[in-house]
Amino acid sequence: MKIDITNVVRTNGIYTSQLWKGYYAAEVIVKAGENYLRVRYPYDVRADAECALEQIKQKKSEIKTPAYKPLVHLMDKRGERVL
């Protein structure tokens, strides 16, 4: 599934990744049809994560390439993760 980052609803910031040790994750909420997705883009350098988040805020169609494929979670209308 291709995620359209121009449909970002909210940017949540940058987190120290627990899944990818020593990496930083830029996290955003994206609207995909009727659903909302929480997407975390992993970067090995914090400056790269900040750059990607800034590109997302500017509604650019392409962002800095993450180190790995992004982690995606389906969210409900309250903002809770759906299992």
N, C-alpha and C. Protein backbone atom coordinates (compact mmCIF):
# COMPACT_ATOMS: atom_id res chain seq x y z
N MET A 1 0.84 -1.17 0.00
CA MET A 1 0.00 0.00 0.00
C MET A 1 0.89 1.24 0.00
N LYS A 2 0.60 2.16 -0.88
CA LYS A 2 1.34 3.42 -0.95
C LYS A 2 0.63 4.45 -0.07
N ILE A 3 1.39 5.10 0.78
CA ILE A 3 0.84 6.11 1.69
C ILE A 3 1.03 7.48 1.05
N ASP A 4 -0.05 8.23 0.93
CA ASP A 4 0.00 9.57 0.36
C ASP A 4 0.27 10.57 1.49
N ILE A 5 1.51 11.03 1.59
CA ILE A 5 1.86 11.91 2.71
C ILE A 5 1.30 13.31 2.57
N THR A 6 0.68 13.61 1.43
CA THR A 6 0.03 14.92 1.32
C THR A 6 -1.30 14.93 2.08
N ASN A 7 -1.76 13.76 2.53
CA ASN A 7 -3.00 13.66 3.32
C ASN A 7 -2.73 13.59 4.82
N VAL A 8 -1.61 14.15 5.26
CA VAL A 8 -1.27 14.14 6.68
C VAL A 8 -2.26 15.03 7.44
N VAL A 9 -2.82 14.47 8.50
CA VAL A 9 -3.76 15.18 9.35
C VAL A 9 -3.02 15.86 10.50
N ARG A 10 -2.02 15.16 11.05
CA ARG A 10 -1.29 15.69 12.20
C ARG A 10 0.13 15.13 12.23
N THR A 11 1.08 15.96 12.65
CA THR A 11 2.44 15.47 12.90
C THR A 11 2.59 15.31 14.40
N ASN A 12 3.07 14.16 14.83
CA ASN A 12 3.21 13.87 16.26
C ASN A 12 4.61 14.14 16.79
N GLY A 13 5.57 14.35 15.92
CA GLY A 13 6.92 14.64 16.38
C GLY A 13 7.89 13.52 16.11
N ILE A 14 9.01 13.58 16.83
CA ILE A 14 10.09 12.61 16.64
C ILE A 14 10.27 11.83 17.93
N TYR A 15 10.40 10.53 17.80
CA TYR A 15 10.55 9.65 18.94
C TYR A 15 11.81 8.81 18.79
N THR A 16 12.40 8.43 19.93
CA THR A 16 13.47 7.45 19.91
C THR A 16 12.79 6.10 19.68
N SER A 17 13.17 5.44 18.64
CA SER A 17 12.50 4.20 18.25
C SER A 17 12.83 3.05 19.19
N GLN A 18 11.80 2.31 19.61
CA GLN A 18 12.01 1.11 20.40
C GLN A 18 12.16 -0.11 19.50
N LEU A 19 11.54 -0.06 18.33
CA LEU A 19 11.63 -1.16 17.38
C LEU A 19 13.01 -1.20 16.72
N TRP A 20 13.48 -0.04 16.27
CA TRP A 20 14.78 0.07 15.63
C TRP A 20 15.73 0.74 16.62
N LYS A 21 16.52 -0.02 17.35
CA LYS A 21 17.40 0.51 18.39
C LYS A 21 18.41 1.49 17.80
N GLY A 22 18.53 2.66 18.44
CA GLY A 22 19.47 3.68 17.99
C GLY A 22 18.95 4.53 16.85
N TYR A 23 17.68 4.35 16.49
CA TYR A 23 17.08 5.12 15.40
C TYR A 23 16.04 6.09 15.95
N TYR A 24 15.69 7.05 15.12
CA TYR A 24 14.66 8.04 15.45
C TYR A 24 13.49 7.84 14.49
N ALA A 25 12.29 8.03 14.99
CA ALA A 25 11.10 7.84 14.16
C ALA A 25 10.31 9.14 14.07
N ALA A 26 10.06 9.59 12.84
CA ALA A 26 9.18 10.73 12.60
C ALA A 26 7.77 10.17 12.49
N GLU A 27 6.85 10.63 13.36
CA GLU A 27 5.51 10.05 13.41
C GLU A 27 4.46 11.03 12.93
N VAL A 28 3.56 10.54 12.06
CA VAL A 28 2.46 11.35 11.53
C VAL A 28 1.18 10.53 11.50
N ILE A 29 0.04 11.22 11.45
CA ILE A 29 -1.27 10.60 11.26
C ILE A 29 -1.73 10.96 9.86
N VAL A 30 -2.08 9.95 9.07
CA VAL A 30 -2.46 10.13 7.67
C VAL A 30 -3.89 9.63 7.47
N LYS A 31 -4.69 10.39 6.73
CA LYS A 31 -6.05 9.95 6.38
C LYS A 31 -5.97 9.16 5.08
N ALA A 32 -6.49 7.94 5.13
CA ALA A 32 -6.49 7.06 3.97
C ALA A 32 -7.92 6.56 3.76
N GLY A 33 -8.66 7.23 2.90
CA GLY A 33 -10.07 6.88 2.70
C GLY A 33 -10.87 7.19 3.95
N GLU A 34 -11.53 6.17 4.51
CA GLU A 34 -12.30 6.33 5.74
C GLU A 34 -11.44 6.10 6.98
N ASN A 35 -10.22 5.63 6.79
CA ASN A 35 -9.36 5.24 7.91
C ASN A 35 -8.28 6.27 8.19
N TYR A 36 -7.75 6.17 9.40
CA TYR A 36 -6.59 6.95 9.79
C TYR A 36 -5.45 5.98 10.07
N LEU A 37 -4.26 6.34 9.62
CA LEU A 37 -3.08 5.51 9.83
C LEU A 37 -2.04 6.29 10.62
N ARG A 38 -1.43 5.64 11.61
CA ARG A 38 -0.28 6.23 12.30
C ARG A 38 0.95 5.65 11.62
N VAL A 39 1.78 6.52 11.08
CA VAL A 39 2.94 6.08 10.31
C VAL A 39 4.20 6.59 10.99
N ARG A 40 5.16 5.70 11.20
CA ARG A 40 6.45 6.06 11.79
C ARG A 40 7.55 5.77 10.77
N TYR A 41 8.27 6.82 10.39
CA TYR A 41 9.37 6.71 9.44
C TYR A 41 10.68 6.67 10.21
N PRO A 42 11.47 5.57 10.12
CA PRO A 42 12.71 5.45 10.89
C PRO A 42 13.93 6.07 10.17
N TYR A 43 14.74 6.77 10.95
CA TYR A 43 15.98 7.37 10.45
C TYR A 43 17.09 7.12 11.46
N ASP A 44 18.31 6.93 10.96
CA ASP A 44 19.43 6.66 11.86
C ASP A 44 20.02 7.94 12.43
N VAL A 45 19.69 9.09 11.88
CA VAL A 45 20.19 10.38 12.36
C VAL A 45 18.98 11.27 12.67
N ARG A 46 18.99 11.90 13.84
CA ARG A 46 17.85 12.74 14.25
C ARG A 46 17.61 13.87 13.25
N ALA A 47 18.68 14.45 12.70
CA ALA A 47 18.53 15.55 11.73
C ALA A 47 17.75 15.09 10.49
N ASP A 48 17.94 13.85 10.07
CA ASP A 48 17.18 13.32 8.93
C ASP A 48 15.70 13.19 9.26
N ALA A 49 15.39 12.76 10.49
CA ALA A 49 13.99 12.66 10.92
C ALA A 49 13.35 14.04 10.98
N GLU A 50 14.09 15.03 11.48
CA GLU A 50 13.58 16.40 11.54
C GLU A 50 13.35 16.96 10.14
N CYS A 51 14.26 16.66 9.22
CA CYS A 51 14.13 17.10 7.82
C CYS A 51 12.88 16.48 7.19
N ALA A 52 12.67 15.19 7.39
CA ALA A 52 11.49 14.52 6.83
C ALA A 52 10.21 15.11 7.41
N LEU A 53 10.20 15.38 8.71
CA LEU A 53 9.01 15.96 9.34
C LEU A 53 8.72 17.34 8.78
N GLU A 54 9.76 18.11 8.54
CA GLU A 54 9.58 19.45 7.96
C GLU A 54 9.05 19.35 6.53
N GLN A 55 9.55 18.40 5.75
CA GLN A 55 9.05 18.20 4.39
C GLN A 55 7.58 17.78 4.40
N ILE A 56 7.20 16.97 5.37
CA ILE A 56 5.80 16.56 5.50
C ILE A 56 4.93 17.76 5.84
N LYS A 57 5.39 18.59 6.76
CA LYS A 57 4.63 19.79 7.15
C LYS A 57 4.43 20.73 5.96
N GLN A 58 5.41 20.76 5.05
CA GLN A 58 5.32 21.62 3.87
C GLN A 58 4.49 20.97 2.75
N LYS A 59 3.91 19.80 3.03
CA LYS A 59 3.05 19.07 2.08
C LYS A 59 3.79 18.67 0.80
N LYS A 60 5.07 18.35 0.92
CA LYS A 60 5.83 17.87 -0.24
C LYS A 60 5.40 16.43 -0.54
N SER A 61 5.39 16.08 -1.81
CA SER A 61 4.94 14.73 -2.19
C SER A 61 6.02 13.68 -1.96
N GLU A 62 7.27 14.08 -1.85
CA GLU A 62 8.37 13.16 -1.58
C GLU A 62 9.11 13.63 -0.33
N ILE A 63 9.54 12.67 0.49
CA ILE A 63 10.32 13.02 1.68
C ILE A 63 11.64 12.27 1.65
N LYS A 64 12.53 12.64 2.56
CA LYS A 64 13.82 11.96 2.68
C LYS A 64 13.56 10.47 2.90
N THR A 65 14.28 9.64 2.18
CA THR A 65 14.08 8.19 2.24
C THR A 65 14.45 7.65 3.62
N PRO A 66 13.50 6.95 4.27
CA PRO A 66 13.80 6.39 5.59
C PRO A 66 14.76 5.21 5.50
N ALA A 67 15.37 4.85 6.64
CA ALA A 67 16.32 3.75 6.70
C ALA A 67 15.64 2.40 6.43
N TYR A 68 14.40 2.26 6.89
CA TYR A 68 13.61 1.04 6.69
C TYR A 68 12.23 1.43 6.20
N LYS A 69 11.42 0.42 5.86
CA LYS A 69 10.02 0.69 5.50
C LYS A 69 9.32 1.26 6.73
N PRO A 70 8.38 2.18 6.54
CA PRO A 70 7.70 2.76 7.70
C PRO A 70 6.80 1.74 8.42
N LEU A 71 6.65 1.96 9.72
CA LEU A 71 5.75 1.16 10.53
C LEU A 71 4.38 1.81 10.48
N VAL A 72 3.33 1.05 10.15
CA VAL A 72 1.99 1.61 9.96
C VAL A 72 1.00 0.90 10.89
N HIS A 73 0.19 1.69 11.61
CA HIS A 73 -0.87 1.15 12.45
C HIS A 73 -2.20 1.77 12.04
N LEU A 74 -3.24 0.96 12.00
CA LEU A 74 -4.59 1.44 11.74
C LEU A 74 -5.14 2.03 13.04
N MET A 75 -5.75 3.23 12.94
CA MET A 75 -6.27 3.93 14.12
C MET A 75 -7.79 4.05 14.01
N ASP A 76 -8.48 4.09 15.16
CA ASP A 76 -9.92 4.32 15.14
C ASP A 76 -10.20 5.82 15.25
N LYS A 77 -11.46 6.20 15.30
CA LYS A 77 -11.83 7.62 15.31
C LYS A 77 -11.40 8.34 16.58
N ARG A 78 -11.18 7.60 17.68
CA ARG A 78 -10.75 8.21 18.94
C ARG A 78 -9.23 8.36 19.00
N GLY A 79 -8.54 7.84 18.00
CA GLY A 79 -7.08 7.90 18.00
C GLY A 79 -6.42 6.71 18.67
N GLU A 80 -7.20 5.67 18.93
CA GLU A 80 -6.67 4.45 19.54
C GLU A 80 -6.24 3.48 18.45
N ARG A 81 -5.18 2.76 18.71
CA ARG A 81 -4.68 1.76 17.76
C ARG A 81 -5.65 0.58 17.68
N VAL A 82 -5.97 0.16 16.47
CA VAL A 82 -6.83 -1.00 16.24
C VAL A 82 -5.94 -2.22 16.10
N LEU A 83 -6.26 -3.27 16.82
CA LEU A 83 -5.42 -4.48 16.77
C LEU A 83 -5.71 -5.33 15.59
